[in-house]
PDB file of all heavy atoms in Angstrom:
ATOM      1  N   ALA A   1       0.835  -1.206   0.000  1.00  0.00           N
ATOM      2  CA  ALA A   1       0.000   0.000   0.000  1.00  0.00           C
ATOM      3  C   ALA A   1       0.869   1.254   0.000  1.00  0.00           C
ATOM      4  O   ALA A   1       0.576   2.233  -0.704  1.00  0.00           O
ATOM      5  CB  ALA A   1      -0.925  -0.008   1.216  1.00  0.00           C
ATOM      6  N   ARG A   2       1.964   1.227   0.766  1.00  0.00           N
ATOM      7  CA  ARG A   2       2.869   2.383   0.786  1.00  0.00           C
ATOM      8  C   ARG A   2       3.467   2.626  -0.584  1.00  0.00           C
ATOM      9  O   ARG A   2       3.479   3.764  -1.090  1.00  0.00           O
ATOM     10  CB  ARG A   2       3.977   2.159   1.818  1.00  0.00           C
ATOM     11  CG  ARG A   2       5.162   3.124   1.677  1.00  0.00           C
ATOM     12  CD  ARG A   2       6.205   2.867   2.750  1.00  0.00           C
ATOM     13  NE  ARG A   2       7.503   3.427   2.421  1.00  0.00           N
ATOM     14  CZ  ARG A   2       7.857   4.700   2.533  1.00  0.00           C
ATOM     15  NH1 ARG A   2       6.985   5.570   2.999  1.00  0.00           N
ATOM     16  NH2 ARG A   2       9.069   5.110   2.211  1.00  0.00           N
ATOM     17  N   TYR A   3       3.950   1.564  -1.208  1.00  0.00           N
ATOM     18  CA  TYR A   3       4.630   1.752  -2.481  1.00  0.00           C
ATOM     19  C   TYR A   3       3.665   1.954  -3.643  1.00  0.00           C
ATOM     20  O   TYR A   3       4.036   2.562  -4.653  1.00  0.00           O
ATOM     21  CB  TYR A   3       5.620   0.613  -2.708  1.00  0.00           C
ATOM     22  CG  TYR A   3       6.780   0.759  -1.760  1.00  0.00           C
ATOM     23  CD1 TYR A   3       6.859   0.002  -0.596  1.00  0.00           C
ATOM     24  CD2 TYR A   3       7.752   1.723  -1.972  1.00  0.00           C
ATOM     25  CE1 TYR A   3       7.884   0.180   0.313  1.00  0.00           C
ATOM     26  CE2 TYR A   3       8.784   1.914  -1.073  1.00  0.00           C
ATOM     27  CZ  TYR A   3       8.845   1.145   0.064  1.00  0.00           C
ATOM     28  OH  TYR A   3       9.859   1.356   0.962  1.00  0.00           O
ATOM     29  N   ALA A   4       2.447   1.500  -3.488  1.00  0.00           N
ATOM     30  CA  ALA A   4       1.429   1.840  -4.485  1.00  0.00           C
ATOM     31  C   ALA A   4       1.130   3.332  -4.432  1.00  0.00           C
ATOM     32  O   ALA A   4       0.961   3.991  -5.478  1.00  0.00           O
ATOM     33  CB  ALA A   4       0.163   1.021  -4.246  1.00  0.00           C
ATOM     34  N   ALA A   5       1.077   3.878  -3.227  1.00  0.00           N
ATOM     35  CA  ALA A   5       0.851   5.319  -3.093  1.00  0.00           C
ATOM     36  C   ALA A   5       2.025   6.108  -3.661  1.00  0.00           C
ATOM     37  O   ALA A   5       1.836   7.139  -4.332  1.00  0.00           O
ATOM     38  CB  ALA A   5       0.622   5.669  -1.625  1.00  0.00           C
ATOM     39  N   LEU A   6       3.252   5.637  -3.411  1.00  0.00           N
ATOM     40  CA  LEU A   6       4.421   6.314  -3.969  1.00  0.00           C
ATOM     41  C   LEU A   6       4.444   6.216  -5.487  1.00  0.00           C
ATOM     42  O   LEU A   6       4.844   7.167  -6.177  1.00  0.00           O
ATOM     43  CB  LEU A   6       5.701   5.719  -3.379  1.00  0.00           C
ATOM     44  CG  LEU A   6       5.941   5.959  -1.888  1.00  0.00           C
ATOM     45  CD1 LEU A   6       7.238   5.284  -1.447  1.00  0.00           C
ATOM     46  CD2 LEU A   6       5.982   7.447  -1.563  1.00  0.00           C
ATOM     47  N   GLN A   7       4.022   5.082  -6.026  1.00  0.00           N
ATOM     48  CA  GLN A   7       3.957   4.930  -7.480  1.00  0.00           C
ATOM     49  C   GLN A   7       3.007   5.970  -8.083  1.00  0.00           C
ATOM     50  O   GLN A   7       3.317   6.599  -9.098  1.00  0.00           O
ATOM     51  CB  GLN A   7       3.503   3.511  -7.836  1.00  0.00           C
ATOM     52  CG  GLN A   7       3.128   3.286  -9.293  1.00  0.00           C
ATOM     53  CD  GLN A   7       4.323   3.149 -10.231  1.00  0.00           C
ATOM     54  OE1 GLN A   7       5.412   3.631  -9.932  1.00  0.00           O
ATOM     55  NE2 GLN A   7       4.112   2.509 -11.355  1.00  0.00           N
ATOM     56  N   LYS A   8       1.878   6.172  -7.446  1.00  0.00           N
ATOM     57  CA  LYS A   8       0.923   7.170  -7.955  1.00  0.00           C
ATOM     58  C   LYS A   8       1.514   8.569  -7.892  1.00  0.00           C
ATOM     59  O   LYS A   8       1.236   9.411  -8.749  1.00  0.00           O
ATOM     60  CB  LYS A   8      -0.372   7.102  -7.150  1.00  0.00           C
ATOM     61  CG  LYS A   8      -1.199   5.857  -7.427  1.00  0.00           C
ATOM     62  CD  LYS A   8      -2.484   5.842  -6.604  1.00  0.00           C
ATOM     63  CE  LYS A   8      -3.294   4.596  -6.902  1.00  0.00           C
ATOM     64  NZ  LYS A   8      -4.541   4.534  -6.082  1.00  0.00           N
ATOM     65  N   ARG A   9       2.341   8.824  -6.881  1.00  0.00           N
ATOM     66  CA  ARG A   9       2.948  10.153  -6.743  1.00  0.00           C
ATOM     67  C   ARG A   9       4.047  10.397  -7.766  1.00  0.00           C
ATOM     68  O   ARG A   9       4.174  11.507  -8.301  1.00  0.00           O
ATOM     69  CB  ARG A   9       3.530  10.309  -5.340  1.00  0.00           C
ATOM     70  CG  ARG A   9       2.535  10.620  -4.251  1.00  0.00           C
ATOM     71  CD  ARG A   9       3.206  10.611  -2.888  1.00  0.00           C
ATOM     72  NE  ARG A   9       4.327  11.533  -2.798  1.00  0.00           N
ATOM     73  CZ  ARG A   9       5.210  11.544  -1.788  1.00  0.00           C
ATOM     74  NH1 ARG A   9       5.091  10.652  -0.811  1.00  0.00           N
ATOM     75  NH2 ARG A   9       6.196  12.414  -1.773  1.00  0.00           N
ATOM     76  N   PHE A  10       4.839   9.371  -8.051  1.00  0.00           N
ATOM     77  CA  PHE A  10       6.080   9.604  -8.784  1.00  0.00           C
ATOM     78  C   PHE A  10       6.063   9.162 -10.243  1.00  0.00           C
ATOM     79  O   PHE A  10       6.868   9.654 -11.036  1.00  0.00           O
ATOM     80  CB  PHE A  10       7.233   8.898  -8.069  1.00  0.00           C
ATOM     81  CG  PHE A  10       7.448   9.349  -6.654  1.00  0.00           C
ATOM     82  CD1 PHE A  10       7.741   8.435  -5.654  1.00  0.00           C
ATOM     83  CD2 PHE A  10       7.350  10.692  -6.318  1.00  0.00           C
ATOM     84  CE1 PHE A  10       7.944   8.841  -4.350  1.00  0.00           C
ATOM     85  CE2 PHE A  10       7.547  11.116  -5.008  1.00  0.00           C
ATOM     86  CZ  PHE A  10       7.841  10.192  -4.026  1.00  0.00           C
ATOM     87  N   ALA A  11       5.220   8.223 -10.601  1.00  0.00           N
ATOM     88  CA  ALA A  11       5.223   7.701 -11.974  1.00  0.00           C
ATOM     89  C   ALA A  11       4.504   8.668 -12.909  1.00  0.00           C
ATOM     90  O   ALA A  11       3.396   9.125 -12.617  1.00  0.00           O
ATOM     91  CB  ALA A  11       4.560   6.333 -12.020  1.00  0.00           C
ATOM     92  N   ARG A  12       5.135   8.964 -14.025  1.00  0.00           N
ATOM     93  CA  ARG A  12       4.519   9.821 -15.042  1.00  0.00           C
ATOM     94  C   ARG A  12       4.347   9.007 -16.328  1.00  0.00           C
ATOM     95  O   ARG A  12       5.332   8.660 -16.978  1.00  0.00           O
ATOM     96  CB  ARG A  12       5.402  11.039 -15.326  1.00  0.00           C
ATOM     97  CG  ARG A  12       5.387  12.095 -14.244  1.00  0.00           C
ATOM     98  CD  ARG A  12       6.397  13.195 -14.560  1.00  0.00           C
ATOM     99  NE  ARG A  12       6.226  14.355 -13.725  1.00  0.00           N
ATOM    100  CZ  ARG A  12       6.691  14.473 -12.485  1.00  0.00           C
ATOM    101  NH1 ARG A  12       7.366  13.461 -11.963  1.00  0.00           N
ATOM    102  NH2 ARG A  12       6.496  15.570 -11.797  1.00  0.00           N
ATOM    103  N   THR A  13       3.122   8.728 -16.649  1.00  0.00           N
ATOM    104  CA  THR A  13       2.812   8.049 -17.911  1.00  0.00           C
ATOM    105  C   THR A  13       2.092   9.049 -18.792  1.00  0.00           C
ATOM    106  O   THR A  13       0.977   9.478 -18.483  1.00  0.00           O
ATOM    107  CB  THR A  13       1.940   6.812 -17.673  1.00  0.00           C
ATOM    108  OG1 THR A  13       2.623   5.928 -16.772  1.00  0.00           O
ATOM    109  CG2 THR A  13       1.669   6.079 -18.974  1.00  0.00           C
ATOM    110  N   ILE A  14       2.744   9.413 -19.857  1.00  0.00           N
ATOM    111  CA  ILE A  14       2.225  10.475 -20.729  1.00  0.00           C
ATOM    112  C   ILE A  14       1.592   9.846 -21.958  1.00  0.00           C
ATOM    113  O   ILE A  14       2.242   9.077 -22.682  1.00  0.00           O
ATOM    114  CB  ILE A  14       3.353  11.449 -21.122  1.00  0.00           C
ATOM    115  CG1 ILE A  14       3.934  12.105 -19.858  1.00  0.00           C
ATOM    116  CG2 ILE A  14       2.849  12.515 -22.091  1.00  0.00           C
ATOM    117  CD1 ILE A  14       5.141  12.971 -20.116  1.00  0.00           C
ATOM    118  N   ASP A  15       0.349  10.164 -22.195  1.00  0.00           N
ATOM    119  CA  ASP A  15      -0.391   9.610 -23.334  1.00  0.00           C
ATOM    120  C   ASP A  15      -0.103  10.424 -24.591  1.00  0.00           C
ATOM    121  O   ASP A  15      -0.990  11.017 -25.201  1.00  0.00           O
ATOM    122  CB  ASP A  15      -1.885   9.594 -23.031  1.00  0.00           C
ATOM    123  CG  ASP A  15      -2.693   8.853 -24.110  1.00  0.00           C
ATOM    124  OD1 ASP A  15      -2.075   8.059 -24.846  1.00  0.00           O
ATOM    125  OD2 ASP A  15      -3.914   9.087 -24.204  1.00  0.00           O
ATOM    126  N   ALA A  16       1.163  10.456 -24.937  1.00  0.00           N
ATOM    127  CA  ALA A  16       1.614  11.199 -26.118  1.00  0.00           C
ATOM    128  C   ALA A  16       3.063  10.817 -26.356  1.00  0.00           C
ATOM    129  O   ALA A  16       3.744  10.335 -25.447  1.00  0.00           O
ATOM    130  CB  ALA A  16       1.493  12.712 -25.895  1.00  0.00           C
ATOM    131  N   PRO A  17       3.565  11.007 -27.575  1.00  0.00           N
ATOM    132  CA  PRO A  17       5.002  10.807 -27.786  1.00  0.00           C
ATOM    133  C   PRO A  17       5.808  11.773 -26.915  1.00  0.00           C
ATOM    134  O   PRO A  17       5.391  12.907 -26.678  1.00  0.00           O
ATOM    135  CB  PRO A  17       5.190  11.119 -29.278  1.00  0.00           C
ATOM    136  CG  PRO A  17       3.837  10.957 -29.880  1.00  0.00           C
ATOM    137  CD  PRO A  17       2.862  11.380 -28.827  1.00  0.00           C
ATOM    138  N   VAL A  18       6.959  11.309 -26.422  1.00  0.00           N
ATOM    139  CA  VAL A  18       7.842  12.141 -25.610  1.00  0.00           C
ATOM    140  C   VAL A  18       9.158  12.293 -26.355  1.00  0.00           C
ATOM    141  O   VAL A  18       9.785  11.310 -26.752  1.00  0.00           O
ATOM    142  CB  VAL A  18       8.082  11.518 -24.227  1.00  0.00           C
ATOM    143  CG1 VAL A  18       9.037  12.396 -23.413  1.00  0.00           C
ATOM    144  CG2 VAL A  18       6.769  11.324 -23.476  1.00  0.00           C
ATOM    145  N   ARG A  19       9.556  13.526 -26.565  1.00  0.00           N
ATOM    146  CA  ARG A  19      10.798  13.838 -27.277  1.00  0.00           C
ATOM    147  C   ARG A  19      11.816  14.394 -26.280  1.00  0.00           C
ATOM    148  O   ARG A  19      11.578  15.418 -25.646  1.00  0.00           O
ATOM    149  CB  ARG A  19      10.536  14.860 -28.384  1.00  0.00           C
ATOM    150  CG  ARG A  19      11.782  15.254 -29.206  1.00  0.00           C
ATOM    151  CD  ARG A  19      11.403  16.248 -30.302  1.00  0.00           C
ATOM    152  NE  ARG A  19      10.534  15.612 -31.276  1.00  0.00           N
ATOM    153  CZ  ARG A  19      10.919  15.110 -32.450  1.00  0.00           C
ATOM    154  NH1 ARG A  19      12.204  15.186 -32.789  1.00  0.00           N
ATOM    155  NH2 ARG A  19      10.055  14.565 -33.271  1.00  0.00           N
ATOM    156  N   ILE A  20      12.932  13.673 -26.128  1.00  0.00           N
ATOM    157  CA  ILE A  20      14.020  14.144 -25.267  1.00  0.00           C
ATOM    158  C   ILE A  20      15.028  14.848 -26.164  1.00  0.00           C
ATOM    159  O   ILE A  20      15.746  14.215 -26.946  1.00  0.00           O
ATOM    160  CB  ILE A  20      14.687  12.980 -24.519  1.00  0.00           C
ATOM    161  CG1 ILE A  20      13.645  12.120 -23.808  1.00  0.00           C
ATOM    162  CG2 ILE A  20      15.695  13.509 -23.498  1.00  0.00           C
ATOM    163  CD1 ILE A  20      14.207  10.854 -23.198  1.00  0.00           C
ATOM    164  N   ARG A  21      15.091  16.145 -26.063  1.00  0.00           N
ATOM    165  CA  ARG A  21      15.957  16.940 -26.924  1.00  0.00           C
ATOM    166  C   ARG A  21      17.368  17.058 -26.351  1.00  0.00           C
ATOM    167  O   ARG A  21      17.565  17.080 -25.141  1.00  0.00           O
ATOM    168  CB  ARG A  21      15.397  18.355 -27.075  1.00  0.00           C
ATOM    169  CG  ARG A  21      14.166  18.476 -27.961  1.00  0.00           C
ATOM    170  CD  ARG A  21      13.883  19.954 -28.198  1.00  0.00           C
ATOM    171  NE  ARG A  21      12.711  20.197 -29.015  1.00  0.00           N
ATOM    172  CZ  ARG A  21      12.700  20.156 -30.342  1.00  0.00           C
ATOM    173  NH1 ARG A  21      13.814  19.848 -30.983  1.00  0.00           N
ATOM    174  NH2 ARG A  21      11.593  20.412 -31.006  1.00  0.00           N
ATOM    175  N   ASN A  22      18.319  17.118 -27.273  1.00  0.00           N
ATOM    176  CA  ASN A  22      19.692  17.469 -26.928  1.00  0.00           C
ATOM    177  C   ASN A  22      20.312  16.481 -25.949  1.00  0.00           C
ATOM    178  O   ASN A  22      20.686  16.821 -24.828  1.00  0.00           O
ATOM    179  CB  ASN A  22      19.755  18.897 -26.371  1.00  0.00           C
ATOM    180  CG  ASN A  22      21.198  19.395 -26.255  1.00  0.00           C
ATOM    181  OD1 ASN A  22      22.123  18.835 -26.858  1.00  0.00           O
ATOM    182  ND2 ASN A  22      21.387  20.450 -25.484  1.00  0.00           N
ATOM    183  N   VAL A  23      20.412  15.237 -26.386  1.00  0.00           N
ATOM    184  CA  VAL A  23      21.102  14.214 -25.598  1.00  0.00           C
ATOM    185  C   VAL A  23      22.101  13.490 -26.491  1.00  0.00           C
ATOM    186  O   VAL A  23      21.931  13.416 -27.711  1.00  0.00           O
ATOM    187  CB  VAL A  23      20.118  13.190 -24.987  1.00  0.00           C
ATOM    188  CG1 VAL A  23      19.328  13.817 -23.861  1.00  0.00           C
ATOM    189  CG2 VAL A  23      19.193  12.597 -26.041  1.00  0.00           C
ATOM    190  N   ARG A  24      23.117  12.931 -25.865  1.00  0.00           N
ATOM    191  CA  ARG A  24      24.100  12.125 -26.571  1.00  0.00           C
ATOM    192  C   ARG A  24      23.917  10.680 -26.119  1.00  0.00           C
ATOM    193  O   ARG A  24      23.947  10.378 -24.921  1.00  0.00           O
ATOM    194  CB  ARG A  24      25.509  12.619 -26.265  1.00  0.00           C
ATOM    195  CG  ARG A  24      25.723  14.094 -26.635  1.00  0.00           C
ATOM    196  CD  ARG A  24      27.106  14.564 -26.247  1.00  0.00           C
ATOM    197  NE  ARG A  24      28.125  13.918 -27.074  1.00  0.00           N
ATOM    198  CZ  ARG A  24      29.428  13.939 -26.805  1.00  0.00           C
ATOM    199  NH1 ARG A  24      29.863  14.532 -25.697  1.00  0.00           N
ATOM    200  NH2 ARG A  24      30.295  13.348 -27.596  1.00  0.00           N
ATOM    201  N   VAL A  25      23.708   9.798 -27.067  1.00  0.00           N
ATOM    202  CA  VAL A  25      23.367   8.412 -26.781  1.00  0.00           C
ATOM    203  C   VAL A  25      24.629   7.560 -26.737  1.00  0.00           C
ATOM    204  O   VAL A  25      25.467   7.617 -27.650  1.00  0.00           O
ATOM    205  CB  VAL A  25      22.398   7.870 -27.846  1.00  0.00           C
ATOM    206  CG1 VAL A  25      22.144   6.382 -27.645  1.00  0.00           C
ATOM    207  CG2 VAL A  25      21.083   8.644 -27.811  1.00  0.00           C
ATOM    208  N   PHE A  26      24.750   6.739 -25.679  1.00  0.00           N
ATOM    209  CA  PHE A  26      25.863   5.792 -25.627  1.00  0.00           C
ATOM    210  C   PHE A  26      25.549   4.619 -26.550  1.00  0.00           C
ATOM    211  O   PHE A  26      24.514   3.965 -26.426  1.00  0.00           O
ATOM    212  CB  PHE A  26      26.088   5.272 -24.210  1.00  0.00           C
ATOM    213  CG  PHE A  26      27.123   4.172 -24.156  1.00  0.00           C
ATOM    214  CD1 PHE A  26      28.462   4.454 -24.360  1.00  0.00           C
ATOM    215  CD2 PHE A  26      26.752   2.850 -23.935  1.00  0.00           C
ATOM    216  CE1 PHE A  26      29.425   3.446 -24.330  1.00  0.00           C
ATOM    217  CE2 PHE A  26      27.698   1.836 -23.896  1.00  0.00           C
ATOM    218  CZ  PHE A  26      29.038   2.136 -24.100  1.00  0.00           C
ATOM    219  N   ASP A  27      26.485   4.361 -27.472  1.00  0.00           N
ATOM    220  CA  ASP A  27      26.340   3.271 -28.437  1.00  0.00           C
ATOM    221  C   ASP A  27      27.270   2.133 -28.022  1.00  0.00           C
ATOM    222  O   ASP A  27      28.486   2.265 -28.110  1.00  0.00           O
ATOM    223  CB  ASP A  27      26.712   3.774 -29.834  1.00  0.00           C
ATOM    224  CG  ASP A  27      26.733   2.648 -30.863  1.00  0.00           C
ATOM    225  OD1 ASP A  27      26.073   1.610 -30.624  1.00  0.00           O
ATOM    226  OD2 ASP A  27      27.402   2.806 -31.905  1.00  0.00           O
ATOM    227  N   PRO A  28      26.723   0.997 -27.550  1.00  0.00           N
ATOM    228  CA  PRO A  28      27.599  -0.090 -27.106  1.00  0.00           C
ATOM    229  C   PRO A  28      28.435  -0.689 -28.229  1.00  0.00           C
ATOM    230  O   PRO A  28      29.496  -1.262 -27.970  1.00  0.00           O
ATOM    231  CB  PRO A  28      26.625  -1.111 -26.516  1.00  0.00           C
ATOM    232  CG  PRO A  28      25.307  -0.789 -27.110  1.00  0.00           C
ATOM    233  CD  PRO A  28      25.303   0.677 -27.368  1.00  0.00           C
ATOM    234  N   ALA A  29      27.990  -0.561 -29.476  1.00  0.00           N
ATOM    235  CA  ALA A  29      28.760  -1.119 -30.592  1.00  0.00           C
ATOM    236  C   ALA A  29      30.079  -0.376 -30.764  1.00  0.00           C
ATOM    237  O   ALA A  29      31.148  -0.988 -30.903  1.00  0.00           O
ATOM    238  CB  ALA A  29      27.941  -1.070 -31.874  1.00  0.00           C
ATOM    239  N   SER A  30      30.022   0.951 -30.747  1.00  0.00           N
ATOM    240  CA  SER A  30      31.241   1.750 -30.925  1.00  0.00           C
ATOM    241  C   SER A  30      31.917   2.082 -29.603  1.00  0.00           C
ATOM    242  O   SER A  30      33.105   2.423 -29.575  1.00  0.00           O
ATOM    243  CB  SER A  30      30.903   3.057 -31.652  1.00  0.00           C
ATOM    244  OG  SER A  30      30.089   3.893 -30.834  1.00  0.00           O
ATOM    245  N   GLY A  31      31.150   2.003 -28.506  1.00  0.00           N
ATOM    246  CA  GLY A  31      31.690   2.385 -27.204  1.00  0.00           C
ATOM    247  C   GLY A  31      31.831   3.885 -27.038  1.00  0.00           C
ATOM    248  O   GLY A  31      32.562   4.341 -26.160  1.00  0.00           O
ATOM    249  N   LYS A  32      31.106   4.652 -27.853  1.00  0.00           N
ATOM    250  CA  LYS A  32      31.226   6.108 -27.816  1.00  0.00           C
ATOM    251  C   LYS A  32      29.865   6.764 -27.626  1.00  0.00           C
ATOM    252  O   LYS A  32      28.818   6.138 -27.808  1.00  0.00           O
ATOM    253  CB  LYS A  32      31.856   6.610 -29.121  1.00  0.00           C
ATOM    254  CG  LYS A  32      33.266   6.086 -29.369  1.00  0.00           C
ATOM    255  CD  LYS A  32      33.803   6.607 -30.706  1.00  0.00           C
ATOM    256  CE  LYS A  32      35.221   6.087 -30.952  1.00  0.00           C
ATOM    257  NZ  LYS A  32      35.762   6.551 -32.256  1.00  0.00           N
ATOM    258  N   LEU A  33      29.925   8.058 -27.269  1.00  0.00           N
ATOM    259  CA  LEU A  33      28.718   8.868 -27.262  1.00  0.00           C
ATOM    260  C   LEU A  33      28.540   9.492 -28.633  1.00  0.00           C
ATOM    261  O   LEU A  33      29.499   9.994 -29.239  1.00  0.00           O
ATOM    262  CB  LEU A  33      28.801   9.983 -26.214  1.00  0.00           C
ATOM    263  CG  LEU A  33      28.957   9.576 -24.752  1.00  0.00           C
ATOM    264  CD1 LEU A  33      28.901  10.816 -23.863  1.00  0.00           C
ATOM    265  CD2 LEU A  33      27.877   8.595 -24.343  1.00  0.00           C
TER     266      LEU A  33
END
C-alpha cells in the first residue's frame, strides 16, 4: 500500500510521444557517445 501510493505520486505516464531533446546516446557497438 505504501509503495502503491508512492507509485501514484512519482510515476509519469504520458499519453503522447515524448521527445528528449539534446542528448548524446551511448552506443555499445562503438563504445562512444
